[in-house]
Amino acid sequence: MDRRKVIAQYEAIRRLGQTNMFDVRMVELIAYHNGFYELVEAIEEGRYPEILLNYGKWIEEVSEDEIPEAKPIEPVWRLRE
């Protein structure tokens, strides 16, 4: 796991404000839709708790230019007519 890349992708999703960062499935969905495959892989390997626990330390290693821009995903649900 490229820790700097994964934490930069995590930070990009956090800045969107679209989800609670404890909602791992939604974080994974947003990561997938933004092409943040390193973060998706880390989640699938079960490393998300490690990311949450070490975020405060690891984010200090990442510069502002390394944080990619993330786009929010559109909801895909519809009400019945």
PDB file of N, CA and C in Angstrom:
ATOM      1  N   MET A   1       0.855  -1.182   0.000  1.00  0.00           N
ATOM      2  CA  MET A   1       0.000   0.000   0.000  1.00  0.00           C
ATOM      3  C   MET A   1       0.893   1.234   0.000  1.00  0.00           C
ATOM      4  N   ASP A   2       0.676   2.090  -0.977  1.00  0.00           N
ATOM      5  CA  ASP A   2       1.378   3.374  -1.017  1.00  0.00           C
ATOM      6  C   ASP A   2       0.638   4.315  -0.065  1.00  0.00           C
ATOM      7  N   ARG A   3       1.135   4.399   1.158  1.00  0.00           N
ATOM      8  CA  ARG A   3       0.451   5.117   2.229  1.00  0.00           C
ATOM      9  C   ARG A   3       0.131   6.567   1.871  1.00  0.00           C
ATOM     10  N   ARG A   4       1.078   7.267   1.274  1.00  0.00           N
ATOM     11  CA  ARG A   4       0.851   8.678   0.925  1.00  0.00           C
ATOM     12  C   ARG A   4      -0.268   8.830  -0.092  1.00  0.00           C
ATOM     13  N   LYS A   5      -0.287   7.954  -1.087  1.00  0.00           N
ATOM     14  CA  LYS A   5      -1.315   8.033  -2.122  1.00  0.00           C
ATOM     15  C   LYS A   5      -2.693   7.695  -1.538  1.00  0.00           C
ATOM     16  N   VAL A   6      -2.737   6.662  -0.714  1.00  0.00           N
ATOM     17  CA  VAL A   6      -4.001   6.240  -0.105  1.00  0.00           C
ATOM     18  C   VAL A   6      -4.548   7.340   0.803  1.00  0.00           C
ATOM     19  N   ILE A   7      -3.707   7.942   1.621  1.00  0.00           N
ATOM     20  CA  ILE A   7      -4.184   8.971   2.545  1.00  0.00           C
ATOM     21  C   ILE A   7      -4.569  10.235   1.782  1.00  0.00           C
ATOM     22  N   ALA A   8      -3.898  10.533   0.670  1.00  0.00           N
ATOM     23  CA  ALA A   8      -4.275  11.682  -0.168  1.00  0.00           C
ATOM     24  C   ALA A   8      -5.657  11.449  -0.784  1.00  0.00           C
ATOM     25  N   GLN A   9      -5.923  10.230  -1.233  1.00  0.00           N
ATOM     26  CA  GLN A   9      -7.227   9.899  -1.801  1.00  0.00           C
ATOM     27  C   GLN A   9      -8.305   9.947  -0.718  1.00  0.00           C
ATOM     28  N   TYR A  10      -7.991   9.451   0.465  1.00  0.00           N
ATOM     29  CA  TYR A  10      -8.909   9.511   1.603  1.00  0.00           C
ATOM     30  C   TYR A  10      -9.260  10.966   1.914  1.00  0.00           C
ATOM     31  N   GLU A  11      -8.247  11.828   1.947  1.00  0.00           N
ATOM     32  CA  GLU A  11      -8.450  13.245   2.254  1.00  0.00           C
ATOM     33  C   GLU A  11      -9.329  13.914   1.198  1.00  0.00           C
ATOM     34  N   ALA A  12      -9.140  13.547  -0.065  1.00  0.00           N
ATOM     35  CA  ALA A  12      -9.964  14.124  -1.137  1.00  0.00           C
ATOM     36  C   ALA A  12     -11.438  13.797  -0.898  1.00  0.00           C
ATOM     37  N   ILE A  13     -11.732  12.574  -0.496  1.00  0.00           N
ATOM     38  CA  ILE A  13     -13.114  12.171  -0.220  1.00  0.00           C
ATOM     39  C   ILE A  13     -13.626  12.866   1.036  1.00  0.00           C
ATOM     40  N   ARG A  14     -12.792  12.980   2.041  1.00  0.00           N
ATOM     41  CA  ARG A  14     -13.191  13.665   3.276  1.00  0.00           C
ATOM     42  C   ARG A  14     -13.595  15.105   2.999  1.00  0.00           C
ATOM     43  N   ARG A  15     -12.826  15.769   2.141  1.00  0.00           N
ATOM     44  CA  ARG A  15     -13.109  17.173   1.816  1.00  0.00           C
ATOM     45  C   ARG A  15     -14.418  17.357   1.050  1.00  0.00           C
ATOM     46  N   LEU A  16     -14.857  16.331   0.356  1.00  0.00           N
ATOM     47  CA  LEU A  16     -16.144  16.424  -0.344  1.00  0.00           C
ATOM     48  C   LEU A  16     -17.286  16.661   0.643  1.00  0.00           C
ATOM     49  N   GLY A  17     -17.199  16.023   1.794  1.00  0.00           N
ATOM     50  CA  GLY A  17     -18.264  16.146   2.781  1.00  0.00           C
ATOM     51  C   GLY A  17     -19.526  15.391   2.393  1.00  0.00           C
ATOM     52  N   GLN A  18     -19.415  14.453   1.467  1.00  0.00           N
ATOM     53  CA  GLN A  18     -20.594  13.739   0.976  1.00  0.00           C
ATOM     54  C   GLN A  18     -20.979  12.571   1.877  1.00  0.00           C
ATOM     55  N   THR A  19     -20.057  12.094   2.688  1.00  0.00           N
ATOM     56  CA  THR A  19     -20.352  10.936   3.524  1.00  0.00           C
ATOM     57  C   THR A  19     -19.639  11.033   4.864  1.00  0.00           C
ATOM     58  N   ASN A  20     -20.148  10.287   5.803  1.00  0.00           N
ATOM     59  CA  ASN A  20     -19.471  10.099   7.078  1.00  0.00           C
ATOM     60  C   ASN A  20     -18.295   9.164   6.798  1.00  0.00           C
ATOM     61  N   MET A  21     -17.111   9.517   7.228  1.00  0.00           N
ATOM     62  CA  MET A  21     -15.930   8.725   6.899  1.00  0.00           C
ATOM     63  C   MET A  21     -15.895   7.378   7.616  1.00  0.00           C
ATOM     64  N   PHE A  22     -16.806   7.153   8.561  1.00  0.00           N
ATOM     65  CA  PHE A  22     -16.923   5.832   9.174  1.00  0.00           C
ATOM     66  C   PHE A  22     -17.778   4.889   8.334  1.00  0.00           C
ATOM     67  N   ASP A  23     -18.463   5.431   7.323  1.00  0.00           N
ATOM     68  CA  ASP A  23     -19.277   4.611   6.416  1.00  0.00           C
ATOM     69  C   ASP A  23     -18.358   4.057   5.323  1.00  0.00           C
ATOM     70  N   VAL A  24     -17.695   2.974   5.637  1.00  0.00           N
ATOM     71  CA  VAL A  24     -16.655   2.424   4.769  1.00  0.00           C
ATOM     72  C   VAL A  24     -17.191   2.059   3.383  1.00  0.00           C
ATOM     73  N   ARG A  25     -18.406   1.561   3.288  1.00  0.00           N
ATOM     74  CA  ARG A  25     -18.959   1.180   1.972  1.00  0.00           C
ATOM     75  C   ARG A  25     -19.158   2.398   1.077  1.00  0.00           C
ATOM     76  N   MET A  26     -19.636   3.498   1.652  1.00  0.00           N
ATOM     77  CA  MET A  26     -19.830   4.714   0.859  1.00  0.00           C
ATOM     78  C   MET A  26     -18.483   5.320   0.474  1.00  0.00           C
ATOM     79  N   VAL A  27     -17.519   5.294   1.384  1.00  0.00           N
ATOM     80  CA  VAL A  27     -16.172   5.785   1.069  1.00  0.00           C
ATOM     81  C   VAL A  27     -15.608   4.965  -0.095  1.00  0.00           C
ATOM     82  N   GLU A  28     -15.794   3.651  -0.037  1.00  0.00           N
ATOM     83  CA  GLU A  28     -15.304   2.782  -1.109  1.00  0.00           C
ATOM     84  C   GLU A  28     -16.007   3.094  -2.433  1.00  0.00           C
ATOM     85  N   LEU A  29     -17.306   3.328  -2.398  1.00  0.00           N
ATOM     86  CA  LEU A  29     -18.064   3.652  -3.608  1.00  0.00           C
ATOM     87  C   LEU A  29     -17.585   4.962  -4.230  1.00  0.00           C
ATOM     88  N   ILE A  30     -17.416   5.977  -3.401  1.00  0.00           N
ATOM     89  CA  ILE A  30     -16.934   7.274  -3.904  1.00  0.00           C
ATOM     90  C   ILE A  30     -15.513   7.130  -4.450  1.00  0.00           C
ATOM     91  N   ALA A  31     -14.676   6.372  -3.753  1.00  0.00           N
ATOM     92  CA  ALA A  31     -13.300   6.146  -4.214  1.00  0.00           C
ATOM     93  C   ALA A  31     -13.305   5.463  -5.577  1.00  0.00           C
ATOM     94  N   TYR A  32     -14.126   4.441  -5.726  1.00  0.00           N
ATOM     95  CA  TYR A  32     -14.202   3.708  -6.995  1.00  0.00           C
ATOM     96  C   TYR A  32     -14.639   4.637  -8.131  1.00  0.00           C
ATOM     97  N   HIS A  33     -15.669   5.436  -7.892  1.00  0.00           N
ATOM     98  CA  HIS A  33     -16.182   6.331  -8.927  1.00  0.00           C
ATOM     99  C   HIS A  33     -15.210   7.454  -9.285  1.00  0.00           C
ATOM    100  N   ASN A  34     -14.262   7.733  -8.406  1.00  0.00           N
ATOM    101  CA  ASN A  34     -13.258   8.754  -8.687  1.00  0.00           C
ATOM    102  C   ASN A  34     -11.945   8.164  -9.198  1.00  0.00           C
ATOM    103  N   GLY A  35     -11.895   6.848  -9.330  1.00  0.00           N
ATOM    104  CA  GLY A  35     -10.678   6.215  -9.832  1.00  0.00           C
ATOM    105  C   GLY A  35      -9.586   6.106  -8.778  1.00  0.00           C
ATOM    106  N   PHE A  36      -9.952   6.156  -7.503  1.00  0.00           N
ATOM    107  CA  PHE A  36      -8.988   6.051  -6.412  1.00  0.00           C
ATOM    108  C   PHE A  36      -8.806   4.569  -6.063  1.00  0.00           C
ATOM    109  N   TYR A  37      -8.243   3.830  -6.987  1.00  0.00           N
ATOM    110  CA  TYR A  37      -8.175   2.376  -6.858  1.00  0.00           C
ATOM    111  C   TYR A  37      -7.225   1.907  -5.762  1.00  0.00           C
ATOM    112  N   GLU A  38      -6.235   2.721  -5.402  1.00  0.00           N
ATOM    113  CA  GLU A  38      -5.339   2.357  -4.304  1.00  0.00           C
ATOM    114  C   GLU A  38      -6.118   2.333  -2.989  1.00  0.00           C
ATOM    115  N   LEU A  39      -7.003   3.317  -2.800  1.00  0.00           N
ATOM    116  CA  LEU A  39      -7.826   3.356  -1.594  1.00  0.00           C
ATOM    117  C   LEU A  39      -8.834   2.209  -1.601  1.00  0.00           C
ATOM    118  N   VAL A  40      -9.435   1.937  -2.749  1.00  0.00           N
ATOM    119  CA  VAL A  40     -10.375   0.816  -2.861  1.00  0.00           C
ATOM    120  C   VAL A  40      -9.672  -0.490  -2.489  1.00  0.00           C
ATOM    121  N   GLU A  41      -8.478  -0.682  -3.006  1.00  0.00           N
ATOM    122  CA  GLU A  41      -7.718  -1.902  -2.709  1.00  0.00           C
ATOM    123  C   GLU A  41      -7.396  -2.005  -1.213  1.00  0.00           C
ATOM    124  N   ALA A  42      -7.006  -0.891  -0.598  1.00  0.00           N
ATOM    125  CA  ALA A  42      -6.702  -0.899   0.838  1.00  0.00           C
ATOM    126  C   ALA A  42      -7.947  -1.264   1.646  1.00  0.00           C
ATOM    127  N   ILE A  43      -9.101  -0.760   1.234  1.00  0.00           N
ATOM    128  CA  ILE A  43     -10.351  -1.083   1.930  1.00  0.00           C
ATOM    129  C   ILE A  43     -10.660  -2.565   1.779  1.00  0.00           C
ATOM    130  N   GLU A  44     -10.516  -3.083   0.561  1.00  0.00           N
ATOM    131  CA  GLU A  44     -10.814  -4.493   0.314  1.00  0.00           C
ATOM    132  C   GLU A  44      -9.848  -5.424   1.040  1.00  0.00           C
ATOM    133  N   GLU A  45      -8.640  -4.955   1.313  1.00  0.00           N
ATOM    134  CA  GLU A  45      -7.660  -5.746   2.064  1.00  0.00           C
ATOM    135  C   GLU A  45      -7.892  -5.658   3.573  1.00  0.00           C
ATOM    136  N   GLY A  46      -8.890  -4.882   3.982  1.00  0.00           N
ATOM    137  CA  GLY A  46      -9.194  -4.756   5.407  1.00  0.00           C
ATOM    138  C   GLY A  46      -8.317  -3.768   6.146  1.00  0.00           C
ATOM    139  N   ARG A  47      -7.746  -2.814   5.435  1.00  0.00           N
ATOM    140  CA  ARG A  47      -6.818  -1.873   6.063  1.00  0.00           C
ATOM    141  C   ARG A  47      -7.469  -0.544   6.441  1.00  0.00           C
ATOM    142  N   TYR A  48      -8.788  -0.437   6.245  1.00  0.00           N
ATOM    143  CA  TYR A  48      -9.466   0.828   6.554  1.00  0.00           C
ATOM    144  C   TYR A  48      -9.332   1.235   8.015  1.00  0.00           C
ATOM    145  N   PRO A  49      -9.466   0.316   8.981  1.00  0.00           N
ATOM    146  CA  PRO A  49      -9.265   0.720  10.385  1.00  0.00           C
ATOM    147  C   PRO A  49      -7.869   1.323  10.628  1.00  0.00           C
ATOM    148  N   GLU A  50      -6.869   0.785   9.960  1.00  0.00           N
ATOM    149  CA  GLU A  50      -5.507   1.316  10.081  1.00  0.00           C
ATOM    150  C   GLU A  50      -5.444   2.748   9.547  1.00  0.00           C
ATOM    151  N   ILE A  51      -6.141   3.009   8.453  1.00  0.00           N
ATOM    152  CA  ILE A  51      -6.176   4.359   7.868  1.00  0.00           C
ATOM    153  C   ILE A  51      -6.842   5.322   8.853  1.00  0.00           C
ATOM    154  N   LEU A  52      -7.980   4.913   9.408  1.00  0.00           N
ATOM    155  CA  LEU A  52      -8.693   5.771  10.366  1.00  0.00           C
ATOM    156  C   LEU A  52      -7.848   6.067  11.600  1.00  0.00           C
ATOM    157  N   LEU A  53      -7.189   5.053  12.126  1.00  0.00           N
ATOM    158  CA  LEU A  53      -6.400   5.223  13.347  1.00  0.00           C
ATOM    159  C   LEU A  53      -5.163   6.099  13.151  1.00  0.00           C
ATOM    160  N   ASN A  54      -4.578   6.058  11.966  1.00  0.00           N
ATOM    161  CA  ASN A  54      -3.322   6.773  11.718  1.00  0.00           C
ATOM    162  C   ASN A  54      -3.479   8.029  10.873  1.00  0.00           C
ATOM    163  N   TYR A  55      -4.707   8.389  10.533  1.00  0.00           N
ATOM    164  CA  TYR A  55      -4.952   9.544   9.660  1.00  0.00           C
ATOM    165  C   TYR A  55      -4.225  10.806  10.140  1.00  0.00           C
ATOM    166  N   GLY A  56      -4.340  11.119  11.419  1.00  0.00           N
ATOM    167  CA  GLY A  56      -3.733  12.345  11.956  1.00  0.00           C
ATOM    168  C   GLY A  56      -2.235  12.430  11.739  1.00  0.00           C
ATOM    169  N   LYS A  57      -1.552  11.295  11.856  1.00  0.00           N
ATOM    170  CA  LYS A  57      -0.097  11.246  11.643  1.00  0.00           C
ATOM    171  C   LYS A  57       0.234  11.283  10.155  1.00  0.00           C
ATOM    172  N   TRP A  58      -0.464  10.436   9.419  1.00  0.00           N
ATOM    173  CA  TRP A  58      -0.114  10.256   8.005  1.00  0.00           C
ATOM    174  C   TRP A  58      -0.433  11.469   7.136  1.00  0.00           C
ATOM    175  N   ILE A  59      -1.480  12.210   7.470  1.00  0.00           N
ATOM    176  CA  ILE A  59      -1.846  13.360   6.632  1.00  0.00           C
ATOM    177  C   ILE A  59      -0.756  14.425   6.663  1.00  0.00           C
ATOM    178  N   GLU A  60       0.033  14.454   7.726  1.00  0.00           N
ATOM    179  CA  GLU A  60       1.131  15.423   7.824  1.00  0.00           C
ATOM    180  C   GLU A  60       2.231  15.147   6.804  1.00  0.00           C
ATOM    181  N   GLU A  61       2.307  13.921   6.305  1.00  0.00           N
ATOM    182  CA  GLU A  61       3.324  13.543   5.315  1.00  0.00           C
ATOM    183  C   GLU A  61       2.921  13.906   3.889  1.00  0.00           C
ATOM    184  N   VAL A  62       1.665  14.312   3.700  1.00  0.00           N
ATOM    185  CA  VAL A  62       1.126  14.555   2.357  1.00  0.00           C
ATOM    186  C   VAL A  62       1.051  16.052   2.109  1.00  0.00           C
ATOM    187  N   SER A  63       1.584  16.482   0.964  1.00  0.00           N
ATOM    188  CA  SER A  63       1.502  17.899   0.625  1.00  0.00           C
ATOM    189  C   SER A  63       0.166  18.192  -0.059  1.00  0.00           C
ATOM    190  N   GLU A  64      -0.201  19.430  -0.069  1.00  0.00           N
ATOM    191  CA  GLU A  64      -1.473  19.867  -0.651  1.00  0.00           C
ATOM    192  C   GLU A  64      -1.585  19.477  -2.130  1.00  0.00           C
ATOM    193  N   ASP A  65      -0.467  19.518  -2.871  1.00  0.00           N
ATOM    194  CA  ASP A  65      -0.511  19.188  -4.316  1.00  0.00           C
ATOM    195  C   ASP A  65      -0.772  17.704  -4.567  1.00  0.00           C
ATOM    196  N   GLU A  66      -0.516  16.859  -3.584  1.00  0.00           N
ATOM    197  CA  GLU A  66      -0.708  15.421  -3.758  1.00  0.00           C
ATOM    198  C   GLU A  66      -2.171  15.003  -3.599  1.00  0.00           C
ATOM    199  N   ILE A  67      -2.992  15.889  -3.059  1.00  0.00           N
ATOM    200  CA  ILE A  67      -4.396  15.543  -2.820  1.00  0.00           C
ATOM    201  C   ILE A  67      -5.180  15.771  -4.114  1.00  0.00           C
ATOM    202  N   PRO A  68      -5.727  14.699  -4.680  1.00  0.00           N
ATOM    203  CA  PRO A  68      -6.452  14.848  -5.946  1.00  0.00           C
ATOM    204  C   PRO A  68      -7.814  15.506  -5.726  1.00  0.00           C
ATOM    205  N   GLU A  69      -8.395  15.961  -6.812  1.00  0.00           N
ATOM    206  CA  GLU A  69      -9.741  16.511  -6.742  1.00  0.00           C
ATOM    207  C   GLU A  69     -10.726  15.361  -6.864  1.00  0.00           C
ATOM    208  N   ALA A  70     -11.703  15.340  -5.996  1.00  0.00           N
ATOM    209  CA  ALA A  70     -12.723  14.290  -6.040  1.00  0.00           C
ATOM    210  C   ALA A  70     -14.052  14.918  -6.446  1.00  0.00           C
ATOM    211  N   LYS A  71     -14.823  14.156  -7.190  1.00  0.00           N
ATOM    212  CA  LYS A  71     -16.145  14.618  -7.604  1.00  0.00           C
ATOM    213  C   LYS A  71     -17.195  13.819  -6.840  1.00  0.00           C
ATOM    214  N   PRO A  72     -18.243  14.501  -6.372  1.00  0.00           N
ATOM    215  CA  PRO A  72     -19.290  13.766  -5.656  1.00  0.00           C
ATOM    216  C   PRO A  72     -20.011  12.811  -6.598  1.00  0.00           C
ATOM    217  N   ILE A  73     -20.556  11.771  -6.037  1.00  0.00           N
ATOM    218  CA  ILE A  73     -21.344  10.856  -6.859  1.00  0.00           C
ATOM    219  C   ILE A  73     -22.811  11.245  -6.739  1.00  0.00           C
ATOM    220  N   GLU A  74     -23.542  10.950  -7.783  1.00  0.00           N
ATOM    221  CA  GLU A  74     -24.972  11.265  -7.803  1.00  0.00           C
ATOM    222  C   GLU A  74     -25.755  10.110  -7.192  1.00  0.00           C
ATOM    223  N   PRO A  75     -26.771  10.416  -6.389  1.00  0.00           N
ATOM    224  CA  PRO A  75     -27.598   9.339  -5.856  1.00  0.00           C
ATOM    225  C   PRO A  75     -28.315   8.618  -6.991  1.00  0.00           C
ATOM    226  N   VAL A  76     -28.531   7.320  -6.827  1.00  0.00           N
ATOM    227  CA  VAL A  76     -29.132   6.535  -7.890  1.00  0.00           C
ATOM    228  C   VAL A  76     -30.490   5.965  -7.463  1.00  0.00           C
ATOM    229  N   TRP A  77     -31.117   6.558  -6.506  1.00  0.00           N
ATOM    230  CA  TRP A  77     -32.407   6.035  -6.068  1.00  0.00           C
ATOM    231  C   TRP A  77     -33.540   6.912  -6.601  1.00  0.00           C
ATOM    232  N   ARG A  78     -34.691   6.352  -6.705  1.00  0.00           N
ATOM    233  CA  ARG A  78     -35.864   7.083  -7.183  1.00  0.00           C
ATOM    234  C   ARG A  78     -37.059   6.692  -6.320  1.00  0.00           C
ATOM    235  N   LEU A  79     -37.935   7.645  -6.108  1.00  0.00           N
ATOM    236  CA  LEU A  79     -39.171   7.355  -5.399  1.00  0.00           C
ATOM    237  C   LEU A  79     -40.162   6.709  -6.361  1.00  0.00           C
ATOM    238  N   ARG A  80     -40.985   5.840  -5.846  1.00  0.00           N
ATOM    239  CA  ARG A  80     -42.019   5.236  -6.697  1.00  0.00           C
ATOM    240  C   ARG A  80     -43.066   6.280  -7.045  1.00  0.00           C
ATOM    241  N   GLU A  81     -43.614   6.138  -8.212  1.00  0.00           N
ATOM    242  CA  GLU A  81     -44.671   7.082  -8.613  1.00  0.00           C
ATOM    243  C   GLU A  81     -46.029   6.581  -8.228  1.00  0.00           C
TER     244      GLU A  81
END
